[in-house]
Amino acid sequence: MIKTTPAPHSLIDSNGQPTIGHFDGIPKHLNIEKFDYRNAMDAKANPWQKHFHYKQFQFVSIVTETHIIGVAIADIRYLSSAFCYIYDIQNNELEECSWLRPLGLDKQVTNSPFEGITHIARQSIVFDIEDEQWKVSINTKLIKAKVCLEPKSDSLPMAMCSPTGYSGWTYTQKHNALKVTGSIEINQQPISLDQARAGYDFSAGYMRRETSWRWASINTKSNNTDIGLNLAAGVNETGGCENVLWINGTRHLLNAVQFTFSRQDTNLPWKITSQDGRINLTFTPLNKRSEKLNLWLLKSNFRQFVGHFSGSIQDNSGITHKLDHVLGLTEDHFARW
C-alpha cells in the first residue's frame, strides 16, 4: 500500500524545499517564490532562471454520450499555449482550435491548485478553481460551455510531489470520473450531460529541460459504476508515481506501468501493463490531436489520442474491473522547454 500524508498548507516549506510524497488533500499554495532553487553547481539560481525554468499546465477532459472535449492551457514562461478540441464519437471526427501567446501576454495563471483563475485568449478558455472545485468556461466558434466538475463528497484527488532532475520538483494533481453539471453547446446544439464524466490535471514545477511522458486517462460511467483512471510514465517516477484508479469516487493508488506502442504507425494498438500484473490494458486509437513545434530553444512533439480501452485493472481491495471498448485518451509528448 502506498503511504500518504496530510496535504501541507504550502508545498514549499520554511526551508525553501518542496514537500515530497502523496497527499490526502490539496495544498492551498505552491509557494514557489520561497523555493530555494539551485543550479547544477549548487549555487543559488539567479532570478531569471528561477522565473523561466518554472512550468505549469492545466487540462480538462469531458466525456459525454456524444462527444469528448479536451481543453488545456500551458504556461512555459517564454510562451503560453492553449487548445480546445471536440471529438464527435458517432462520426469519428475531431475539430479543434489553438492559441499561442508570447511571454505573459493575454493570459492569467493561478499558482494555487486549491483556488484561483487561469484564462487565455480574451477568456476563450477559463479555469476557475474555488475551494478545490473546478469550473470551466469555453467560448469559441465550436463550443460554448459553462460547467462545474463535481467530485463525490468523500472522493480524494491524486496529489503528489516528486523530485525532478538535479534540483527540481514536479507537483501533479488529478481527479477523474467527476460528475459534470451546467451546459454545453456544440455548433449551437445543446449536449446532454446526464451521463457525462470529467477529469482535470493541474501540474507544475521545475521540470527537466527536456522531458517526455506517456499518459492514459478514462472518465466513464459503466454499469452504474463511475470509473476514473490516470496512468503515466516519464515524469513523476522518482520514488513514486501518479497512477491511480477511482471506483465510485474511492481512490486506489497504483504501482508503475509500462506503455508499449509505435511512434511510426500510430494506428497500432497500445499495451499498458504493470509488473505486478494488476493492470493489463489494450488501447486502440481512433483519432488524435497532434502538434509539432520547433522554435529553436523550444520544441514540442505532442500527440493525444482518442480511442477504446479493453482489459482489466485490479483495485487495492483485490477486485478486478473489466473494461470493454471504454472510450478514453492516451498521450505521447516530448517537450524541450
C-alpha atoms as a PDB file:
ATOM      1  CA  MET A   1       0.000   0.000   0.000  1.00  0.00           C
ATOM      2  CA  ILE A   2       1.351   3.433  -0.947  1.00  0.00           C
ATOM      3  CA  LYS A   3       1.788   5.665   2.089  1.00  0.00           C
ATOM      4  CA  THR A   4       0.039   9.047   2.068  1.00  0.00           C
ATOM      5  CA  THR A   5       0.275  12.103   4.333  1.00  0.00           C
ATOM      6  CA  PRO A   6      -1.975  15.116   5.005  1.00  0.00           C
ATOM      7  CA  ALA A   7      -1.519  17.882   2.456  1.00  0.00           C
ATOM      8  CA  PRO A   8       0.777  20.695   3.578  1.00  0.00           C
ATOM      9  CA  HIS A   9      -0.647  24.211   3.627  1.00  0.00           C
ATOM     10  CA  SER A  10       2.195  25.321   1.333  1.00  0.00           C
ATOM     11  CA  LEU A  11       4.098  22.916  -0.874  1.00  0.00           C
ATOM     12  CA  ILE A  12       7.406  24.736  -0.319  1.00  0.00           C
ATOM     13  CA  ASP A  13       8.346  24.513   3.353  1.00  0.00           C
ATOM     14  CA  SER A  14      10.082  27.014   5.647  1.00  0.00           C
ATOM     15  CA  ASN A  15      13.488  25.752   4.460  1.00  0.00           C
ATOM     16  CA  GLY A  16      12.654  26.533   0.843  1.00  0.00           C
ATOM     17  CA  GLN A  17      12.237  22.861  -0.095  1.00  0.00           C
ATOM     18  CA  PRO A  18       9.251  21.004  -1.591  1.00  0.00           C
ATOM     19  CA  THR A  19       7.276  18.542   0.496  1.00  0.00           C
ATOM     20  CA  ILE A  20       7.678  15.185  -1.228  1.00  0.00           C
ATOM     21  CA  GLY A  21       5.083  12.389  -1.313  1.00  0.00           C
ATOM     22  CA  HIS A  22       1.425  11.551  -1.868  1.00  0.00           C
ATOM     23  CA  PHE A  23      -1.103  13.782  -0.120  1.00  0.00           C
ATOM     24  CA  ASP A  24      -4.603  13.217   1.237  1.00  0.00           C
ATOM     25  CA  GLY A  25      -5.828  16.588   0.089  1.00  0.00           C
ATOM     26  CA  ILE A  26      -4.626  19.653  -1.792  1.00  0.00           C
ATOM     27  CA  PRO A  27      -2.009  22.227  -0.723  1.00  0.00           C
ATOM     28  CA  LYS A  28      -3.529  25.691  -0.505  1.00  0.00           C
ATOM     29  CA  HIS A  29      -0.432  27.243  -2.106  1.00  0.00           C
ATOM     30  CA  LEU A  30       2.598  26.068  -4.027  1.00  0.00           C
ATOM     31  CA  ASN A  31       4.583  28.993  -2.551  1.00  0.00           C
ATOM     32  CA  ILE A  32       7.077  28.879  -5.429  1.00  0.00           C
ATOM     33  CA  GLU A  33       8.517  32.293  -4.537  1.00  0.00           C
ATOM     34  CA  LYS A  34      10.044  30.669  -1.415  1.00  0.00           C
ATOM     35  CA  PHE A  35      11.697  27.802  -3.311  1.00  0.00           C
ATOM     36  CA  ASP A  36      15.475  27.688  -2.797  1.00  0.00           C
ATOM     37  CA  TYR A  37      16.320  26.890  -6.422  1.00  0.00           C
ATOM     38  CA  ARG A  38      19.924  25.871  -7.079  1.00  0.00           C
ATOM     39  CA  ASN A  39      21.872  25.307 -10.291  1.00  0.00           C
ATOM     40  CA  ALA A  40      23.944  22.213 -11.107  1.00  0.00           C
ATOM     41  CA  MET A  41      26.931  23.630  -9.184  1.00  0.00           C
ATOM     42  CA  ASP A  42      24.792  24.138  -6.039  1.00  0.00           C
ATOM     43  CA  ALA A  43      24.810  27.943  -6.317  1.00  0.00           C
ATOM     44  CA  LYS A  44      21.574  29.871  -5.976  1.00  0.00           C
ATOM     45  CA  ALA A  45      19.852  30.223  -9.330  1.00  0.00           C
ATOM     46  CA  ASN A  46      19.521  33.802 -10.497  1.00  0.00           C
ATOM     47  CA  PRO A  47      16.057  35.429 -10.673  1.00  0.00           C
ATOM     48  CA  TRP A  48      15.905  34.955 -14.465  1.00  0.00           C
ATOM     49  CA  GLN A  49      16.478  31.210 -14.136  1.00  0.00           C
ATOM     50  CA  LYS A  50      14.054  30.869 -11.251  1.00  0.00           C
ATOM     51  CA  HIS A  51      11.314  32.579 -13.251  1.00  0.00           C
ATOM     52  CA  PHE A  52      11.771  30.973 -16.656  1.00  0.00           C
ATOM     53  CA  HIS A  53      12.516  27.419 -15.509  1.00  0.00           C
ATOM     54  CA  TYR A  54       9.085  27.094 -13.843  1.00  0.00           C
ATOM     55  CA  LYS A  55       6.396  25.379 -15.954  1.00  0.00           C
ATOM     56  CA  GLN A  56       2.690  24.847 -15.372  1.00  0.00           C
ATOM     57  CA  PHE A  57      -0.248  23.390 -17.276  1.00  0.00           C
ATOM     58  CA  GLN A  58      -3.907  22.632 -16.712  1.00  0.00           C
ATOM     59  CA  PHE A  59      -6.091  20.254 -18.693  1.00  0.00           C
ATOM     60  CA  VAL A  60      -9.720  19.169 -18.552  1.00  0.00           C
ATOM     61  CA  SER A  61     -11.346  16.262 -20.384  1.00  0.00           C
ATOM     62  CA  ILE A  62     -15.131  15.922 -20.563  1.00  0.00           C
ATOM     63  CA  VAL A  63     -16.715  12.718 -21.883  1.00  0.00           C
ATOM     64  CA  THR A  64     -20.399  12.828 -22.853  1.00  0.00           C
ATOM     65  CA  GLU A  65     -22.557  10.272 -24.659  1.00  0.00           C
ATOM     66  CA  THR A  66     -21.933  12.033 -27.995  1.00  0.00           C
ATOM     67  CA  HIS A  67     -18.651  13.958 -27.690  1.00  0.00           C
ATOM     68  CA  ILE A  68     -15.286  14.095 -25.976  1.00  0.00           C
ATOM     69  CA  ILE A  69     -13.935  17.565 -25.194  1.00  0.00           C
ATOM     70  CA  GLY A  70     -10.310  18.311 -24.392  1.00  0.00           C
ATOM     71  CA  VAL A  71      -9.182  21.758 -23.282  1.00  0.00           C
ATOM     72  CA  ALA A  72      -5.791  22.909 -21.981  1.00  0.00           C
ATOM     73  CA  ILE A  73      -3.716  25.942 -21.011  1.00  0.00           C
ATOM     74  CA  ALA A  74       0.075  25.665 -20.666  1.00  0.00           C
ATOM     75  CA  ASP A  75       2.424  28.336 -19.308  1.00  0.00           C
ATOM     76  CA  ILE A  76       6.114  27.724 -20.001  1.00  0.00           C
ATOM     77  CA  ARG A  77       7.053  31.358 -19.241  1.00  0.00           C
ATOM     78  CA  TYR A  78       8.586  32.123 -22.663  1.00  0.00           C
ATOM     79  CA  LEU A  79       5.314  31.135 -24.284  1.00  0.00           C
ATOM     80  CA  SER A  80       1.763  30.272 -23.349  1.00  0.00           C
ATOM     81  CA  SER A  81      -0.341  27.906 -25.411  1.00  0.00           C
ATOM     82  CA  ALA A  82      -3.846  26.529 -25.318  1.00  0.00           C
ATOM     83  CA  PHE A  83      -6.098  24.227 -27.289  1.00  0.00           C
ATOM     84  CA  CYS A  84      -9.678  23.041 -27.364  1.00  0.00           C
ATOM     85  CA  TYR A  85     -10.875  20.081 -29.395  1.00  0.00           C
ATOM     86  CA  ILE A  86     -14.241  18.436 -29.909  1.00  0.00           C
ATOM     87  CA  TYR A  87     -14.388  14.757 -30.855  1.00  0.00           C
ATOM     88  CA  ASP A  88     -17.645  13.552 -32.417  1.00  0.00           C
ATOM     89  CA  ILE A  89     -17.980   9.940 -31.235  1.00  0.00           C
ATOM     90  CA  GLN A  90     -20.507   8.751 -33.827  1.00  0.00           C
ATOM     91  CA  ASN A  91     -18.719  10.222 -36.843  1.00  0.00           C
ATOM     92  CA  ASN A  92     -15.138   9.804 -35.588  1.00  0.00           C
ATOM     93  CA  GLU A  93     -14.424  13.455 -36.419  1.00  0.00           C
ATOM     94  CA  LEU A  94     -12.244  15.873 -34.475  1.00  0.00           C
ATOM     95  CA  GLU A  95     -12.354  19.663 -34.711  1.00  0.00           C
ATOM     96  CA  GLU A  96     -10.001  21.955 -32.845  1.00  0.00           C
ATOM     97  CA  CYS A  97      -8.746  25.453 -32.250  1.00  0.00           C
ATOM     98  CA  SER A  98      -5.494  26.555 -30.625  1.00  0.00           C
ATOM     99  CA  TRP A  99      -3.681  29.668 -29.404  1.00  0.00           C
ATOM    100  CA  LEU A 100      -0.082  30.781 -28.824  1.00  0.00           C
ATOM    101  CA  ARG A 101       0.830  33.803 -26.713  1.00  0.00           C
ATOM    102  CA  PRO A 102       4.397  35.070 -26.114  1.00  0.00           C
ATOM    103  CA  LEU A 103       5.595  35.710 -22.555  1.00  0.00           C
ATOM    104  CA  GLY A 104       2.757  36.889 -20.315  1.00  0.00           C
ATOM    105  CA  LEU A 105       0.509  38.438 -22.936  1.00  0.00           C
ATOM    106  CA  ASP A 106      -3.247  37.807 -22.944  1.00  0.00           C
ATOM    107  CA  LYS A 107      -3.274  35.205 -20.188  1.00  0.00           C
ATOM    108  CA  GLN A 108      -3.533  34.772 -16.439  1.00  0.00           C
ATOM    109  CA  VAL A 109      -2.398  31.742 -14.445  1.00  0.00           C
ATOM    110  CA  THR A 110      -3.066  30.822 -10.826  1.00  0.00           C
ATOM    111  CA  ASN A 111      -0.191  29.283  -8.900  1.00  0.00           C
ATOM    112  CA  SER A 112      -2.578  27.651  -6.428  1.00  0.00           C
ATOM    113  CA  PRO A 113      -4.085  24.197  -7.080  1.00  0.00           C
ATOM    114  CA  PHE A 114      -6.757  24.996  -4.485  1.00  0.00           C
ATOM    115  CA  GLU A 115      -8.120  28.298  -5.789  1.00  0.00           C
ATOM    116  CA  GLY A 116      -7.672  30.930  -8.463  1.00  0.00           C
ATOM    117  CA  ILE A 117      -8.415  31.692 -12.100  1.00  0.00           C
ATOM    118  CA  THR A 118      -6.495  30.746 -15.244  1.00  0.00           C
ATOM    119  CA  HIS A 119      -7.537  32.082 -18.649  1.00  0.00           C
ATOM    120  CA  ILE A 120      -6.183  32.840 -22.112  1.00  0.00           C
ATOM    121  CA  ALA A 121      -7.123  34.413 -25.451  1.00  0.00           C
ATOM    122  CA  ARG A 122      -9.542  37.021 -24.118  1.00  0.00           C
ATOM    123  CA  GLN A 123     -11.046  34.397 -21.831  1.00  0.00           C
ATOM    124  CA  SER A 124     -11.838  31.952 -24.623  1.00  0.00           C
ATOM    125  CA  ILE A 125     -10.899  29.341 -22.014  1.00  0.00           C
ATOM    126  CA  VAL A 126     -11.310  29.913 -18.268  1.00  0.00           C
ATOM    127  CA  PHE A 127     -10.468  27.520 -15.430  1.00  0.00           C
ATOM    128  CA  ASP A 128     -11.880  28.823 -12.155  1.00  0.00           C
ATOM    129  CA  ILE A 129     -10.867  26.842  -9.053  1.00  0.00           C
ATOM    130  CA  GLU A 130     -12.741  27.664  -5.858  1.00  0.00           C
ATOM    131  CA  ASP A 131     -12.245  25.601  -2.676  1.00  0.00           C
ATOM    132  CA  GLU A 132     -10.687  22.880  -4.885  1.00  0.00           C
ATOM    133  CA  GLN A 133     -13.764  22.645  -7.148  1.00  0.00           C
ATOM    134  CA  TRP A 134     -13.214  23.317 -10.854  1.00  0.00           C
ATOM    135  CA  LYS A 135     -15.452  25.432 -13.056  1.00  0.00           C
ATOM    136  CA  VAL A 136     -14.741  25.553 -16.786  1.00  0.00           C
ATOM    137  CA  SER A 137     -15.901  28.169 -19.307  1.00  0.00           C
ATOM    138  CA  ILE A 138     -15.264  27.818 -23.038  1.00  0.00           C
ATOM    139  CA  ASN A 139     -16.261  30.395 -25.619  1.00  0.00           C
ATOM    140  CA  THR A 140     -15.166  29.535 -29.176  1.00  0.00           C
ATOM    141  CA  LYS A 141     -16.829  29.160 -32.564  1.00  0.00           C
ATOM    142  CA  LEU A 142     -17.071  25.420 -31.960  1.00  0.00           C
ATOM    143  CA  ILE A 143     -18.308  25.295 -28.402  1.00  0.00           C
ATOM    144  CA  LYS A 144     -19.951  27.335 -25.661  1.00  0.00           C
ATOM    145  CA  ALA A 145     -19.698  25.791 -22.232  1.00  0.00           C
ATOM    146  CA  LYS A 146     -20.154  26.675 -18.582  1.00  0.00           C
ATOM    147  CA  VAL A 147     -19.725  23.592 -16.439  1.00  0.00           C
ATOM    148  CA  CYS A 148     -18.766  22.541 -12.939  1.00  0.00           C
ATOM    149  CA  LEU A 149     -16.790  19.364 -12.179  1.00  0.00           C
ATOM    150  CA  GLU A 150     -18.237  17.802  -9.036  1.00  0.00           C
ATOM    151  CA  PRO A 151     -16.487  15.008  -7.101  1.00  0.00           C
ATOM    152  CA  LYS A 152     -18.314  12.797  -4.652  1.00  0.00           C
ATOM    153  CA  SER A 153     -18.170  14.280  -1.153  1.00  0.00           C
ATOM    154  CA  ASP A 154     -15.617  11.763   0.157  1.00  0.00           C
ATOM    155  CA  SER A 155     -13.557  11.380  -3.039  1.00  0.00           C
ATOM    156  CA  LEU A 156      -9.865  12.300  -2.859  1.00  0.00           C
ATOM    157  CA  PRO A 157      -7.810  13.569  -5.785  1.00  0.00           C
ATOM    158  CA  MET A 158      -4.380  12.191  -6.585  1.00  0.00           C
ATOM    159  CA  ALA A 159      -1.991  14.879  -5.359  1.00  0.00           C
ATOM    160  CA  MET A 160       1.746  14.289  -5.181  1.00  0.00           C
ATOM    161  CA  CYS A 161       5.135  15.947  -5.420  1.00  0.00           C
ATOM    162  CA  SER A 162       8.322  14.222  -6.532  1.00  0.00           C
ATOM    163  CA  PRO A 163      11.960  15.278  -7.059  1.00  0.00           C
ATOM    164  CA  THR A 164      12.775  16.040 -10.695  1.00  0.00           C
ATOM    165  CA  GLY A 165      16.192  16.216 -12.297  1.00  0.00           C
ATOM    166  CA  TYR A 166      19.104  17.510 -10.191  1.00  0.00           C
ATOM    167  CA  SER A 167      17.366  20.220  -8.199  1.00  0.00           C
ATOM    168  CA  GLY A 168      13.770  20.487  -9.429  1.00  0.00           C
ATOM    169  CA  TRP A 169      10.401  19.104  -8.412  1.00  0.00           C
ATOM    170  CA  THR A 170       7.044  18.350 -10.011  1.00  0.00           C
ATOM    171  CA  TYR A 171       3.643  18.731  -8.360  1.00  0.00           C
ATOM    172  CA  THR A 172       0.814  16.822 -10.020  1.00  0.00           C
ATOM    173  CA  GLN A 173      -2.867  16.806  -9.077  1.00  0.00           C
ATOM    174  CA  LYS A 174      -5.536  14.851 -10.928  1.00  0.00           C
ATOM    175  CA  HIS A 175      -9.119  13.797 -10.281  1.00  0.00           C
ATOM    176  CA  ASN A 176     -11.193  11.687 -12.642  1.00  0.00           C
ATOM    177  CA  ALA A 177     -14.761  10.428 -13.043  1.00  0.00           C
ATOM    178  CA  LEU A 178     -16.214  13.701 -11.784  1.00  0.00           C
ATOM    179  CA  LYS A 179     -19.872  14.499 -12.387  1.00  0.00           C
ATOM    180  CA  VAL A 180     -20.496  17.362 -14.831  1.00  0.00           C
ATOM    181  CA  THR A 181     -23.229  19.967 -14.303  1.00  0.00           C
ATOM    182  CA  GLY A 182     -24.030  23.085 -16.272  1.00  0.00           C
ATOM    183  CA  SER A 183     -24.438  23.488 -20.022  1.00  0.00           C
ATOM    184  CA  ILE A 184     -22.550  22.733 -23.234  1.00  0.00           C
ATOM    185  CA  GLU A 185     -23.476  23.724 -26.781  1.00  0.00           C
ATOM    186  CA  ILE A 186     -21.541  22.364 -29.756  1.00  0.00           C
ATOM    187  CA  ASN A 187     -22.260  24.066 -33.055  1.00  0.00           C
ATOM    188  CA  GLN A 188     -25.229  25.695 -31.300  1.00  0.00           C
ATOM    189  CA  GLN A 189     -26.713  22.317 -30.339  1.00  0.00           C
ATOM    190  CA  PRO A 190     -27.159  21.515 -26.617  1.00  0.00           C
ATOM    191  CA  ILE A 191     -25.340  18.417 -25.363  1.00  0.00           C
ATOM    192  CA  SER A 192     -26.780  16.145 -22.686  1.00  0.00           C
ATOM    193  CA  LEU A 193     -24.663  15.943 -19.531  1.00  0.00           C
ATOM    194  CA  ASP A 194     -26.743  13.252 -17.799  1.00  0.00           C
ATOM    195  CA  GLN A 195     -24.031  10.601 -18.176  1.00  0.00           C
ATOM    196  CA  ALA A 196     -21.083  12.952 -18.611  1.00  0.00           C
ATOM    197  CA  ARG A 197     -17.925  12.434 -16.567  1.00  0.00           C
ATOM    198  CA  ALA A 198     -14.777  14.563 -16.489  1.00  0.00           C
ATOM    199  CA  GLY A 199     -11.251  14.734 -15.188  1.00  0.00           C
ATOM    200  CA  TYR A 200      -8.726  17.508 -14.617  1.00  0.00           C
ATOM    201  CA  ASP A 201      -4.942  17.803 -14.455  1.00  0.00           C
ATOM    202  CA  PHE A 202      -3.007  20.515 -12.600  1.00  0.00           C
ATOM    203  CA  SER A 203       0.761  20.043 -12.994  1.00  0.00           C
ATOM    204  CA  ALA A 204       3.514  22.485 -12.124  1.00  0.00           C
ATOM    205  CA  GLY A 205       7.121  22.728 -11.088  1.00  0.00           C
ATOM    206  CA  TYR A 206      10.746  22.879 -12.090  1.00  0.00           C
ATOM    207  CA  MET A 207      10.709  20.078 -14.621  1.00  0.00           C
ATOM    208  CA  ARG A 208      13.557  18.740 -16.729  1.00  0.00           C
ATOM    209  CA  ARG A 209      14.720  20.939 -19.615  1.00  0.00           C
ATOM    210  CA  GLU A 210      13.959  18.013 -21.894  1.00  0.00           C
ATOM    211  CA  THR A 211      11.137  15.809 -20.741  1.00  0.00           C
ATOM    212  CA  SER A 212       8.650  13.340 -22.141  1.00  0.00           C
ATOM    213  CA  TRP A 213       5.736  11.321 -20.934  1.00  0.00           C
ATOM    214  CA  ARG A 214       3.195   8.705 -21.862  1.00  0.00           C
ATOM    215  CA  TRP A 215      -0.257   9.007 -20.339  1.00  0.00           C
ATOM    216  CA  ALA A 216      -3.670   7.340 -20.273  1.00  0.00           C
ATOM    217  CA  SER A 217      -6.976   8.616 -18.910  1.00  0.00           C
ATOM    218  CA  ILE A 218     -10.513   7.295 -18.509  1.00  0.00           C
ATOM    219  CA  ASN A 219     -13.651   9.099 -17.316  1.00  0.00           C
ATOM    220  CA  THR A 220     -16.721   6.910 -17.650  1.00  0.00           C
ATOM    221  CA  LYS A 221     -19.932   5.690 -16.079  1.00  0.00           C
ATOM    222  CA  SER A 222     -20.336   1.986 -16.860  1.00  0.00           C
ATOM    223  CA  ASN A 223     -22.951  -0.373 -15.375  1.00  0.00           C
ATOM    224  CA  ASN A 224     -23.812   2.273 -12.765  1.00  0.00           C
ATOM    225  CA  THR A 225     -20.167   2.440 -11.725  1.00  0.00           C
ATOM    226  CA  ASP A 226     -18.093   5.610 -12.027  1.00  0.00           C
ATOM    227  CA  ILE A 227     -14.616   4.639 -13.226  1.00  0.00           C
ATOM    228  CA  GLY A 228     -11.730   7.076 -13.414  1.00  0.00           C
ATOM    229  CA  LEU A 229      -8.192   6.169 -14.387  1.00  0.00           C
ATOM    230  CA  ASN A 230      -4.906   8.056 -14.655  1.00  0.00           C
ATOM    231  CA  LEU A 231      -1.749   6.249 -15.757  1.00  0.00           C
ATOM    232  CA  ALA A 232       1.545   7.887 -16.683  1.00  0.00           C
ATOM    233  CA  ALA A 233       5.220   7.209 -17.227  1.00  0.00           C
ATOM    234  CA  GLY A 234       8.047   9.675 -17.668  1.00  0.00           C
ATOM    235  CA  VAL A 235       7.704  12.486 -15.100  1.00  0.00           C
ATOM    236  CA  ASN A 236       6.606  11.595 -11.545  1.00  0.00           C
ATOM    237  CA  GLU A 237       8.723   8.484 -11.046  1.00  0.00           C
ATOM    238  CA  THR A 238      11.470   9.479  -8.587  1.00  0.00           C
ATOM    239  CA  GLY A 239      10.413   7.246  -5.712  1.00  0.00           C
ATOM    240  CA  GLY A 240       6.721   7.317  -6.620  1.00  0.00           C
ATOM    241  CA  CYS A 241       4.266   7.505  -9.491  1.00  0.00           C
ATOM    242  CA  GLU A 242       0.961   9.205 -10.251  1.00  0.00           C
ATOM    243  CA  ASN A 243      -1.028   6.122 -11.256  1.00  0.00           C
ATOM    244  CA  VAL A 244      -4.484   5.926  -9.729  1.00  0.00           C
ATOM    245  CA  LEU A 245      -7.899   4.316 -10.189  1.00  0.00           C
ATOM    246  CA  TRP A 246     -11.171   5.751  -8.886  1.00  0.00           C
ATOM    247  CA  ILE A 247     -14.153   3.444  -8.358  1.00  0.00           C
ATOM    248  CA  ASN A 248     -17.319   5.344  -7.397  1.00  0.00           C
ATOM    249  CA  GLY A 249     -15.092   8.067  -6.002  1.00  0.00           C
ATOM    250  CA  THR A 250     -12.815   5.812  -3.945  1.00  0.00           C
ATOM    251  CA  ARG A 251      -9.139   6.416  -4.741  1.00  0.00           C
ATOM    252  CA  HIS A 252      -6.831   3.439  -5.357  1.00  0.00           C
ATOM    253  CA  LEU A 253      -3.159   4.417  -5.786  1.00  0.00           C
ATOM    254  CA  LEU A 254      -1.407   2.041  -8.177  1.00  0.00           C
ATOM    255  CA  ASN A 255       2.149   0.995  -8.983  1.00  0.00           C
ATOM    256  CA  ALA A 256       4.260   1.854 -12.044  1.00  0.00           C
ATOM    257  CA  VAL A 257       3.165   0.934 -15.564  1.00  0.00           C
ATOM    258  CA  GLN A 258       4.828   0.336 -18.919  1.00  0.00           C
ATOM    259  CA  PHE A 259       3.488   1.758 -22.210  1.00  0.00           C
ATOM    260  CA  THR A 260       4.280  -0.210 -25.389  1.00  0.00           C
ATOM    261  CA  PHE A 261       3.287   1.390 -28.703  1.00  0.00           C
ATOM    262  CA  SER A 262       4.612   2.504 -32.101  1.00  0.00           C
ATOM    263  CA  ARG A 263       5.501   6.095 -32.930  1.00  0.00           C
ATOM    264  CA  GLN A 264       5.966   5.126 -36.569  1.00  0.00           C
ATOM    265  CA  ASP A 265       2.499   3.588 -37.026  1.00  0.00           C
ATOM    266  CA  THR A 266       0.179   5.435 -34.660  1.00  0.00           C
ATOM    267  CA  ASN A 267      -2.829   3.355 -35.749  1.00  0.00           C
ATOM    268  CA  LEU A 268      -1.482   0.270 -33.975  1.00  0.00           C
ATOM    269  CA  PRO A 269      -2.864  -0.638 -30.537  1.00  0.00           C
ATOM    270  CA  TRP A 270      -1.039   0.265 -27.329  1.00  0.00           C
ATOM    271  CA  LYS A 271      -0.318  -2.147 -24.469  1.00  0.00           C
ATOM    272  CA  ILE A 272      -0.328  -0.744 -20.930  1.00  0.00           C
ATOM    273  CA  THR A 273       0.793  -3.169 -18.250  1.00  0.00           C
ATOM    274  CA  SER A 274       2.221  -3.235 -14.734  1.00  0.00           C
ATOM    275  CA  GLN A 275       4.939  -5.506 -13.361  1.00  0.00           C
ATOM    276  CA  ASP A 276       2.674  -6.576 -10.511  1.00  0.00           C
ATOM    277  CA  GLY A 277       0.169  -7.904 -13.072  1.00  0.00           C
ATOM    278  CA  ARG A 278      -2.730  -5.818 -11.799  1.00  0.00           C
ATOM    279  CA  ILE A 279      -3.001  -3.674 -14.933  1.00  0.00           C
ATOM    280  CA  ASN A 280      -3.409  -5.267 -18.351  1.00  0.00           C
ATOM    281  CA  LEU A 281      -4.938  -2.908 -20.914  1.00  0.00           C
ATOM    282  CA  THR A 282      -5.083  -2.572 -24.667  1.00  0.00           C
ATOM    283  CA  PHE A 283      -5.797   0.838 -26.179  1.00  0.00           C
ATOM    284  CA  THR A 284      -6.983   1.066 -29.802  1.00  0.00           C
ATOM    285  CA  PRO A 285      -6.613   4.579 -31.308  1.00  0.00           C
ATOM    286  CA  LEU A 286      -9.491   6.066 -33.284  1.00  0.00           C
ATOM    287  CA  ASN A 287      -8.393   9.670 -33.814  1.00  0.00           C
ATOM    288  CA  LYS A 288      -5.860  12.141 -32.494  1.00  0.00           C
ATOM    289  CA  ARG A 289      -4.871  15.732 -31.917  1.00  0.00           C
ATOM    290  CA  SER A 290      -1.235  16.311 -32.833  1.00  0.00           C
ATOM    291  CA  GLU A 291       1.080  19.301 -32.959  1.00  0.00           C
ATOM    292  CA  LYS A 292       4.778  19.755 -33.665  1.00  0.00           C
ATOM    293  CA  LEU A 293       6.563  22.974 -32.731  1.00  0.00           C
ATOM    294  CA  ASN A 294      10.236  23.583 -33.487  1.00  0.00           C
ATOM    295  CA  LEU A 295      11.040  27.062 -32.193  1.00  0.00           C
ATOM    296  CA  TRP A 296      14.835  26.837 -31.739  1.00  0.00           C
ATOM    297  CA  LEU A 297      15.060  26.865 -27.928  1.00  0.00           C
ATOM    298  CA  LEU A 298      11.603  25.317 -27.574  1.00  0.00           C
ATOM    299  CA  LYS A 299      10.400  22.063 -29.094  1.00  0.00           C
ATOM    300  CA  SER A 300       7.215  20.066 -28.709  1.00  0.00           C
ATOM    301  CA  ASN A 301       6.047  16.838 -30.315  1.00  0.00           C
ATOM    302  CA  PHE A 302       2.539  16.297 -28.994  1.00  0.00           C
ATOM    303  CA  ARG A 303       0.039  13.545 -29.807  1.00  0.00           C
ATOM    304  CA  GLN A 304      -3.148  12.956 -27.827  1.00  0.00           C
ATOM    305  CA  PHE A 305      -5.253  10.023 -28.973  1.00  0.00           C
ATOM    306  CA  VAL A 306      -8.941   9.214 -28.562  1.00  0.00           C
ATOM    307  CA  GLY A 307      -9.698   5.505 -28.567  1.00  0.00           C
ATOM    308  CA  HIS A 308     -11.038   2.410 -26.814  1.00  0.00           C
ATOM    309  CA  PHE A 309      -9.631   0.662 -23.749  1.00  0.00           C
ATOM    310  CA  SER A 310     -10.162  -3.040 -23.134  1.00  0.00           C
ATOM    311  CA  GLY A 311      -8.691  -5.291 -20.476  1.00  0.00           C
ATOM    312  CA  SER A 312      -8.605  -5.363 -16.694  1.00  0.00           C
ATOM    313  CA  ILE A 313      -7.452  -3.409 -13.626  1.00  0.00           C
ATOM    314  CA  GLN A 314      -7.310  -4.774 -10.087  1.00  0.00           C
ATOM    315  CA  ASP A 315      -8.029  -2.266  -7.327  1.00  0.00           C
ATOM    316  CA  ASN A 316      -6.498  -2.197  -3.837  1.00  0.00           C
ATOM    317  CA  SER A 317      -9.318  -4.337  -2.455  1.00  0.00           C
ATOM    318  CA  GLY A 318      -8.411  -7.163  -4.826  1.00  0.00           C
ATOM    319  CA  ILE A 319     -11.447  -6.602  -7.064  1.00  0.00           C
ATOM    320  CA  THR A 320     -10.773  -6.876 -10.799  1.00  0.00           C
ATOM    321  CA  HIS A 321     -12.609  -4.396 -13.029  1.00  0.00           C
ATOM    322  CA  LYS A 322     -13.121  -5.379 -16.661  1.00  0.00           C
ATOM    323  CA  LEU A 323     -13.090  -2.761 -19.421  1.00  0.00           C
ATOM    324  CA  ASP A 324     -14.630  -3.476 -22.806  1.00  0.00           C
ATOM    325  CA  HIS A 325     -14.296  -0.791 -25.502  1.00  0.00           C
ATOM    326  CA  VAL A 326     -14.370   2.057 -22.984  1.00  0.00           C
ATOM    327  CA  LEU A 327     -13.602   5.437 -24.555  1.00  0.00           C
ATOM    328  CA  GLY A 328     -10.627   7.340 -23.208  1.00  0.00           C
ATOM    329  CA  LEU A 329      -7.398   9.137 -24.021  1.00  0.00           C
ATOM    330  CA  THR A 330      -3.705   8.426 -24.330  1.00  0.00           C
ATOM    331  CA  GLU A 331      -0.856  10.844 -24.944  1.00  0.00           C
ATOM    332  CA  ASP A 332       2.734  10.742 -26.138  1.00  0.00           C
ATOM    333  CA  HIS A 333       4.627  14.006 -25.661  1.00  0.00           C
ATOM    334  CA  PHE A 334       8.200  15.244 -25.951  1.00  0.00           C
ATOM    335  CA  ALA A 335       8.986  18.763 -24.767  1.00  0.00           C
ATOM    336  CA  ARG A 336      12.141  20.849 -24.693  1.00  0.00           C
ATOM    337  CA  TRP A 337      11.233  23.901 -22.649  1.00  0.00           C
END
